[in-house]
């Protein structure tokens, strides 16, 4: 998977085969940085405030939280085996991570970077969309 940073200056690519998170220049596709990152990194998402980037893993039990400025992992949050897609509330206070291996969605408090609860789902959830209720 890959995603372009909100400012358009970085392209983050997770390499499942060599378990790295790679940051490329989106114009030239040259690698600016490559970091080892758990088994089978899958995808990433930026918090709405641009402070954090979360990377999930197909073959590990944690999600990596990167500081978006230093580009370094600042915390590994235990979410369960085979985490996949990530969504945030618009205010950025909560992240949701689909955890395929646990048949749930881990609800992450972004202030403490901890799992505050889990939402049980059907078998092997992958995608998710965070929506706000109509006013």
N, C-alpha and C. Protein backbone atom coordinates (compact mmCIF):
# COMPACT_ATOMS: atom_id res chain seq x y z
N UNK A 1 0.83 -1.18 0.00
CA UNK A 1 0.00 0.00 0.00
C UNK A 1 0.87 1.24 0.00
N UNK A 2 0.29 2.32 -0.43
CA UNK A 2 1.02 3.58 -0.41
C UNK A 2 0.05 4.73 -0.24
N UNK A 3 0.55 5.78 0.36
CA UNK A 3 -0.24 7.00 0.52
C UNK A 3 0.69 8.21 0.46
N UNK A 4 0.16 9.29 -0.08
CA UNK A 4 0.90 10.55 -0.15
C UNK A 4 0.57 11.36 1.10
N UNK A 5 1.59 11.98 1.68
CA UNK A 5 1.39 12.80 2.88
C UNK A 5 0.44 13.96 2.58
N UNK A 6 -0.23 14.49 3.61
CA UNK A 6 -1.16 15.59 3.39
C UNK A 6 -0.55 16.80 2.69
N UNK A 7 0.74 17.05 2.90
CA UNK A 7 1.39 18.20 2.24
C UNK A 7 1.91 17.84 0.85
N UNK A 8 1.78 16.59 0.45
CA UNK A 8 2.20 16.15 -0.88
C UNK A 8 3.70 15.98 -1.05
N UNK A 9 4.48 16.04 0.02
CA UNK A 9 5.94 16.00 -0.08
C UNK A 9 6.54 14.63 0.15
N UNK A 10 5.73 13.67 0.61
CA UNK A 10 6.25 12.32 0.88
C UNK A 10 5.26 11.28 0.37
N UNK A 11 5.82 10.17 -0.08
CA UNK A 11 5.04 9.02 -0.48
C UNK A 11 5.46 7.88 0.44
N UNK A 12 4.54 7.41 1.28
CA UNK A 12 4.85 6.34 2.23
C UNK A 12 4.42 5.02 1.60
N UNK A 13 5.36 4.07 1.53
CA UNK A 13 5.10 2.77 0.93
C UNK A 13 5.50 1.68 1.92
N UNK A 14 4.57 0.79 2.23
CA UNK A 14 4.86 -0.32 3.11
C UNK A 14 5.28 -1.51 2.25
N UNK A 15 6.43 -2.11 2.57
CA UNK A 15 6.96 -3.25 1.83
C UNK A 15 6.77 -4.51 2.66
N UNK A 16 5.74 -5.26 2.33
CA UNK A 16 5.40 -6.48 3.06
C UNK A 16 6.56 -7.47 3.06
N UNK A 17 7.20 -7.65 1.92
CA UNK A 17 8.25 -8.66 1.76
C UNK A 17 9.48 -8.45 2.61
N UNK A 18 9.91 -7.19 2.77
CA UNK A 18 11.10 -6.96 3.59
C UNK A 18 10.78 -6.23 4.89
N UNK A 19 9.48 -6.12 5.21
CA UNK A 19 9.03 -5.54 6.48
C UNK A 19 9.62 -4.17 6.77
N UNK A 20 9.48 -3.28 5.79
CA UNK A 20 9.96 -1.91 5.97
C UNK A 20 8.86 -0.91 5.62
N UNK A 21 8.98 0.27 6.21
CA UNK A 21 8.19 1.42 5.80
C UNK A 21 9.16 2.31 5.03
N UNK A 22 8.80 2.66 3.83
CA UNK A 22 9.68 3.43 2.96
C UNK A 22 9.06 4.77 2.63
N UNK A 23 9.86 5.81 2.71
CA UNK A 23 9.39 7.16 2.41
C UNK A 23 10.11 7.63 1.16
N UNK A 24 9.33 7.93 0.13
CA UNK A 24 9.87 8.30 -1.17
C UNK A 24 9.52 9.75 -1.51
N UNK A 25 10.31 10.33 -2.38
CA UNK A 25 9.97 11.62 -2.97
C UNK A 25 8.89 11.33 -4.01
N UNK A 26 7.71 11.94 -3.92
CA UNK A 26 6.64 11.59 -4.85
C UNK A 26 6.90 12.00 -6.30
N UNK A 27 7.80 12.95 -6.51
CA UNK A 27 8.09 13.39 -7.88
C UNK A 27 9.12 12.49 -8.57
N UNK A 28 10.16 12.09 -7.83
CA UNK A 28 11.25 11.32 -8.44
C UNK A 28 11.19 9.83 -8.08
N UNK A 29 10.39 9.51 -7.06
CA UNK A 29 10.28 8.14 -6.52
C UNK A 29 11.59 7.62 -5.95
N UNK A 30 12.50 8.52 -5.57
CA UNK A 30 13.72 8.10 -4.90
C UNK A 30 13.41 7.90 -3.41
N UNK A 31 14.05 6.91 -2.83
CA UNK A 31 13.83 6.60 -1.42
C UNK A 31 14.55 7.63 -0.56
N UNK A 32 13.80 8.31 0.30
CA UNK A 32 14.37 9.28 1.23
C UNK A 32 14.74 8.62 2.55
N UNK A 33 13.96 7.60 2.93
CA UNK A 33 14.18 6.92 4.19
C UNK A 33 13.52 5.55 4.15
N UNK A 34 14.15 4.57 4.79
CA UNK A 34 13.58 3.23 4.90
C UNK A 34 13.79 2.75 6.33
N UNK A 35 12.71 2.36 7.00
CA UNK A 35 12.76 1.94 8.40
C UNK A 35 12.22 0.52 8.53
N UNK A 36 12.91 -0.35 9.28
CA UNK A 36 12.32 -1.65 9.61
C UNK A 36 11.05 -1.41 10.42
N UNK A 37 10.01 -2.19 10.15
CA UNK A 37 8.74 -1.93 10.83
C UNK A 37 7.88 -3.18 10.93
N UNK A 38 8.14 -4.02 11.90
CA UNK A 38 7.29 -5.18 12.15
C UNK A 38 7.17 -6.11 10.96
N UNK A 39 6.43 -7.20 11.16
CA UNK A 39 6.26 -8.19 10.10
C UNK A 39 5.07 -7.82 9.23
N UNK A 40 5.32 -7.67 7.96
CA UNK A 40 4.25 -7.44 7.00
C UNK A 40 3.51 -6.13 7.13
N UNK A 41 4.22 -4.99 7.11
CA UNK A 41 3.49 -3.72 7.15
C UNK A 41 2.51 -3.64 5.98
N UNK A 42 1.31 -3.15 6.28
CA UNK A 42 0.22 -3.22 5.30
C UNK A 42 -0.17 -1.89 4.70
N UNK A 43 -0.51 -0.94 5.54
CA UNK A 43 -0.97 0.35 5.05
C UNK A 43 -0.69 1.41 6.11
N UNK A 44 -1.00 2.67 5.79
CA UNK A 44 -0.78 3.76 6.74
C UNK A 44 -1.86 4.82 6.60
N UNK A 45 -1.93 5.68 7.60
CA UNK A 45 -2.85 6.83 7.55
C UNK A 45 -2.32 7.91 8.47
N UNK A 46 -2.53 9.17 8.06
CA UNK A 46 -2.12 10.33 8.86
C UNK A 46 -3.27 10.76 9.75
N UNK A 47 -2.94 11.15 10.97
CA UNK A 47 -3.96 11.74 11.84
C UNK A 47 -4.38 13.08 11.23
N UNK A 48 -5.63 13.49 11.44
CA UNK A 48 -6.10 14.73 10.82
C UNK A 48 -5.26 15.96 11.16
N UNK A 49 -4.63 15.97 12.33
CA UNK A 49 -3.80 17.12 12.69
C UNK A 49 -2.39 17.03 12.10
N UNK A 50 -2.09 15.93 11.39
CA UNK A 50 -0.79 15.77 10.76
C UNK A 50 0.34 15.42 11.71
N UNK A 51 0.01 15.15 12.96
CA UNK A 51 1.04 14.88 13.97
C UNK A 51 1.58 13.46 13.90
N UNK A 52 0.70 12.50 13.61
CA UNK A 52 1.08 11.09 13.62
C UNK A 52 0.77 10.40 12.30
N UNK A 53 1.51 9.32 12.07
CA UNK A 53 1.20 8.39 10.99
C UNK A 53 1.14 7.00 11.64
N UNK A 54 0.06 6.28 11.37
CA UNK A 54 -0.07 4.92 11.89
C UNK A 54 0.17 3.95 10.75
N UNK A 55 0.98 2.91 11.03
CA UNK A 55 1.23 1.83 10.06
C UNK A 55 0.73 0.53 10.68
N UNK A 56 -0.09 -0.21 9.94
CA UNK A 56 -0.61 -1.49 10.41
C UNK A 56 0.19 -2.64 9.80
N UNK A 57 -0.03 -3.85 10.34
CA UNK A 57 0.78 -5.01 9.95
C UNK A 57 -0.08 -6.25 9.71
N UNK A 58 0.21 -6.93 8.62
CA UNK A 58 -0.48 -8.16 8.25
C UNK A 58 -0.06 -9.34 9.11
N UNK A 59 1.19 -9.37 9.53
CA UNK A 59 1.73 -10.55 10.23
C UNK A 59 2.32 -10.21 11.59
N UNK A 60 1.76 -9.20 12.24
CA UNK A 60 2.23 -8.83 13.57
C UNK A 60 1.04 -8.40 14.41
N UNK A 61 1.27 -8.11 15.68
CA UNK A 61 0.17 -7.82 16.60
C UNK A 61 0.07 -6.35 16.99
N UNK A 62 0.87 -5.50 16.41
CA UNK A 62 0.86 -4.09 16.81
C UNK A 62 0.71 -3.18 15.60
N UNK A 63 0.34 -1.94 15.89
CA UNK A 63 0.35 -0.87 14.90
C UNK A 63 1.46 0.09 15.33
N UNK A 64 2.26 0.53 14.39
CA UNK A 64 3.34 1.48 14.69
C UNK A 64 2.81 2.90 14.58
N UNK A 65 3.13 3.72 15.58
CA UNK A 65 2.76 5.13 15.53
C UNK A 65 4.05 5.91 15.30
N UNK A 66 4.08 6.63 14.18
CA UNK A 66 5.24 7.46 13.82
C UNK A 66 4.96 8.91 14.17
N UNK A 67 6.00 9.61 14.59
CA UNK A 67 5.95 11.06 14.68
C UNK A 67 6.12 11.55 13.24
N UNK A 68 5.16 12.29 12.75
CA UNK A 68 5.18 12.71 11.34
C UNK A 68 6.29 13.70 11.03
N UNK A 69 6.86 14.35 12.03
CA UNK A 69 7.96 15.30 11.80
C UNK A 69 9.32 14.61 11.80
N UNK A 70 9.54 13.73 12.79
CA UNK A 70 10.85 13.06 12.89
C UNK A 70 10.91 11.80 12.02
N UNK A 71 9.73 11.30 11.61
CA UNK A 71 9.61 10.09 10.79
C UNK A 71 10.11 8.84 11.52
N UNK A 72 10.06 8.87 12.85
CA UNK A 72 10.49 7.75 13.68
C UNK A 72 9.30 7.15 14.43
N UNK A 73 9.37 5.86 14.70
CA UNK A 73 8.35 5.20 15.51
C UNK A 73 8.47 5.69 16.94
N UNK A 74 7.35 6.16 17.49
CA UNK A 74 7.36 6.62 18.87
C UNK A 74 6.61 5.65 19.79
N UNK A 75 5.77 4.78 19.21
CA UNK A 75 5.06 3.81 20.03
C UNK A 75 4.53 2.68 19.15
N UNK A 76 4.49 1.51 19.75
CA UNK A 76 3.84 0.35 19.13
C UNK A 76 2.63 0.03 19.99
N UNK A 77 1.46 0.11 19.38
CA UNK A 77 0.21 -0.13 20.10
C UNK A 77 -0.26 -1.54 19.78
N UNK A 78 -0.41 -2.36 20.82
CA UNK A 78 -0.88 -3.74 20.64
C UNK A 78 -2.35 -3.73 20.26
N UNK A 79 -2.64 -4.14 19.02
CA UNK A 79 -4.03 -4.15 18.54
C UNK A 79 -4.53 -5.56 18.24
N UNK A 80 -3.64 -6.52 18.04
CA UNK A 80 -4.02 -7.88 17.69
C UNK A 80 -3.46 -8.27 16.34
N UNK A 81 -3.54 -9.54 16.03
CA UNK A 81 -2.97 -10.10 14.80
C UNK A 81 -3.70 -9.60 13.55
N UNK A 82 -2.92 -9.26 12.54
CA UNK A 82 -3.43 -8.90 11.20
C UNK A 82 -4.27 -7.62 11.21
N UNK A 83 -3.66 -6.51 11.54
CA UNK A 83 -4.37 -5.23 11.46
C UNK A 83 -4.33 -4.72 10.03
N UNK A 84 -5.37 -3.97 9.65
CA UNK A 84 -5.42 -3.49 8.27
C UNK A 84 -5.77 -2.01 8.24
N UNK A 85 -6.91 -1.65 7.72
CA UNK A 85 -7.22 -0.25 7.46
C UNK A 85 -7.45 0.57 8.72
N UNK A 86 -7.22 1.89 8.57
CA UNK A 86 -7.24 2.84 9.66
C UNK A 86 -8.18 3.99 9.30
N UNK A 87 -8.93 4.46 10.27
CA UNK A 87 -9.76 5.64 10.09
C UNK A 87 -9.68 6.50 11.34
N UNK A 88 -9.95 7.79 11.19
CA UNK A 88 -9.90 8.73 12.31
C UNK A 88 -11.21 9.49 12.41
N UNK A 89 -11.55 9.90 13.64
CA UNK A 89 -12.64 10.86 13.79
C UNK A 89 -12.13 12.18 13.22
N UNK A 90 -13.04 13.04 12.75
CA UNK A 90 -12.60 14.31 12.17
C UNK A 90 -11.75 15.16 13.10
N UNK A 91 -12.00 15.08 14.42
CA UNK A 91 -11.20 15.87 15.36
C UNK A 91 -9.85 15.22 15.67
N UNK A 92 -9.61 14.00 15.17
CA UNK A 92 -8.34 13.33 15.35
C UNK A 92 -8.10 12.73 16.72
N UNK A 93 -9.10 12.77 17.58
CA UNK A 93 -8.91 12.26 18.94
C UNK A 93 -8.99 10.74 19.03
N UNK A 94 -9.58 10.11 18.02
CA UNK A 94 -9.76 8.67 18.04
C UNK A 94 -9.40 8.08 16.69
N UNK A 95 -8.67 6.96 16.74
CA UNK A 95 -8.37 6.19 15.53
C UNK A 95 -9.06 4.84 15.64
N UNK A 96 -9.45 4.29 14.51
CA UNK A 96 -10.07 2.98 14.44
C UNK A 96 -9.21 2.11 13.53
N UNK A 97 -8.87 0.92 14.00
CA UNK A 97 -8.05 0.01 13.20
C UNK A 97 -8.78 -1.32 13.07
N UNK A 98 -9.05 -1.74 11.84
CA UNK A 98 -9.66 -3.04 11.59
C UNK A 98 -8.62 -4.12 11.90
N UNK A 99 -8.99 -5.08 12.76
CA UNK A 99 -8.08 -6.15 13.17
C UNK A 99 -8.67 -7.47 12.68
N UNK A 100 -8.21 -7.88 11.52
CA UNK A 100 -8.75 -9.06 10.84
C UNK A 100 -8.64 -10.32 11.69
N UNK A 101 -7.49 -10.55 12.31
CA UNK A 101 -7.26 -11.76 13.08
C UNK A 101 -8.07 -11.85 14.35
N UNK A 102 -8.56 -10.72 14.86
CA UNK A 102 -9.32 -10.71 16.11
C UNK A 102 -10.81 -10.48 15.89
N UNK A 103 -11.20 -10.29 14.63
CA UNK A 103 -12.61 -10.02 14.31
C UNK A 103 -13.16 -8.82 15.09
N UNK A 104 -12.35 -7.75 15.13
CA UNK A 104 -12.82 -6.55 15.81
C UNK A 104 -12.15 -5.31 15.24
N UNK A 105 -12.58 -4.18 15.75
CA UNK A 105 -11.95 -2.90 15.43
C UNK A 105 -11.39 -2.35 16.73
N UNK A 106 -10.09 -2.09 16.75
CA UNK A 106 -9.45 -1.49 17.92
C UNK A 106 -9.69 0.01 17.88
N UNK A 107 -10.16 0.55 18.98
CA UNK A 107 -10.44 1.98 19.11
C UNK A 107 -9.29 2.60 19.91
N UNK A 108 -8.54 3.48 19.26
CA UNK A 108 -7.31 4.04 19.83
C UNK A 108 -7.54 5.48 20.29
N UNK A 109 -7.21 5.74 21.55
CA UNK A 109 -7.20 7.10 22.07
C UNK A 109 -5.90 7.75 21.61
N UNK A 110 -5.98 8.80 20.80
CA UNK A 110 -4.78 9.40 20.22
C UNK A 110 -4.01 10.29 21.20
N UNK A 111 -4.62 10.66 22.32
CA UNK A 111 -3.87 11.40 23.33
C UNK A 111 -2.91 10.49 24.08
N UNK A 112 -3.40 9.31 24.46
CA UNK A 112 -2.56 8.37 25.22
C UNK A 112 -1.90 7.31 24.34
N UNK A 113 -2.34 7.23 23.08
CA UNK A 113 -1.86 6.20 22.14
C UNK A 113 -2.04 4.80 22.73
N UNK A 114 -3.25 4.55 23.22
CA UNK A 114 -3.60 3.24 23.78
C UNK A 114 -4.95 2.80 23.24
N UNK A 115 -5.19 1.49 23.29
CA UNK A 115 -6.49 0.95 22.92
C UNK A 115 -7.46 1.23 24.06
N UNK A 116 -8.53 1.96 23.78
CA UNK A 116 -9.49 2.26 24.84
C UNK A 116 -10.67 1.29 24.84
N UNK A 117 -10.96 0.68 23.71
CA UNK A 117 -12.01 -0.33 23.64
C UNK A 117 -11.90 -1.07 22.31
N UNK A 118 -12.75 -2.04 22.13
CA UNK A 118 -12.81 -2.80 20.87
C UNK A 118 -14.27 -2.95 20.47
N UNK A 119 -14.51 -2.95 19.17
CA UNK A 119 -15.85 -3.16 18.64
C UNK A 119 -15.83 -4.50 17.91
N UNK A 120 -16.64 -5.45 18.38
CA UNK A 120 -16.71 -6.75 17.72
C UNK A 120 -17.36 -6.59 16.35
N UNK A 121 -16.87 -7.35 15.40
CA UNK A 121 -17.37 -7.28 14.03
C UNK A 121 -17.66 -8.69 13.55
N UNK A 122 -18.01 -8.78 12.28
CA UNK A 122 -18.11 -10.08 11.65
C UNK A 122 -16.73 -10.63 11.40
N UNK A 123 -16.66 -11.69 10.65
CA UNK A 123 -15.41 -12.39 10.40
C UNK A 123 -14.47 -11.56 9.51
N UNK A 124 -13.22 -11.43 9.95
CA UNK A 124 -12.11 -10.84 9.19
C UNK A 124 -12.39 -9.44 8.62
N UNK A 125 -12.66 -8.45 9.49
CA UNK A 125 -12.87 -7.09 8.98
C UNK A 125 -11.59 -6.53 8.36
N UNK A 126 -11.75 -5.77 7.29
CA UNK A 126 -10.58 -5.15 6.66
C UNK A 126 -10.79 -3.66 6.45
N UNK A 127 -11.77 -3.31 5.67
CA UNK A 127 -12.00 -1.90 5.38
C UNK A 127 -12.86 -1.26 6.45
N UNK A 128 -12.77 0.05 6.56
CA UNK A 128 -13.67 0.77 7.44
C UNK A 128 -13.73 2.21 7.01
N UNK A 129 -14.87 2.83 7.32
CA UNK A 129 -15.07 4.25 7.04
C UNK A 129 -15.60 4.87 8.32
N UNK A 130 -15.00 5.97 8.74
CA UNK A 130 -15.48 6.68 9.93
C UNK A 130 -16.35 7.83 9.44
N UNK A 131 -17.60 7.82 9.90
CA UNK A 131 -18.55 8.86 9.49
C UNK A 131 -19.06 9.57 10.73
N UNK A 132 -19.35 10.84 10.58
CA UNK A 132 -19.96 11.58 11.69
C UNK A 132 -21.47 11.61 11.46
N UNK A 133 -22.23 11.56 12.54
CA UNK A 133 -23.69 11.61 12.37
C UNK A 133 -24.13 12.96 11.83
N UNK A 134 -25.22 12.98 11.09
CA UNK A 134 -25.70 14.27 10.56
C UNK A 134 -26.11 15.20 11.69
N UNK A 135 -25.94 16.48 11.45
CA UNK A 135 -26.28 17.49 12.49
C UNK A 135 -27.77 17.67 12.60
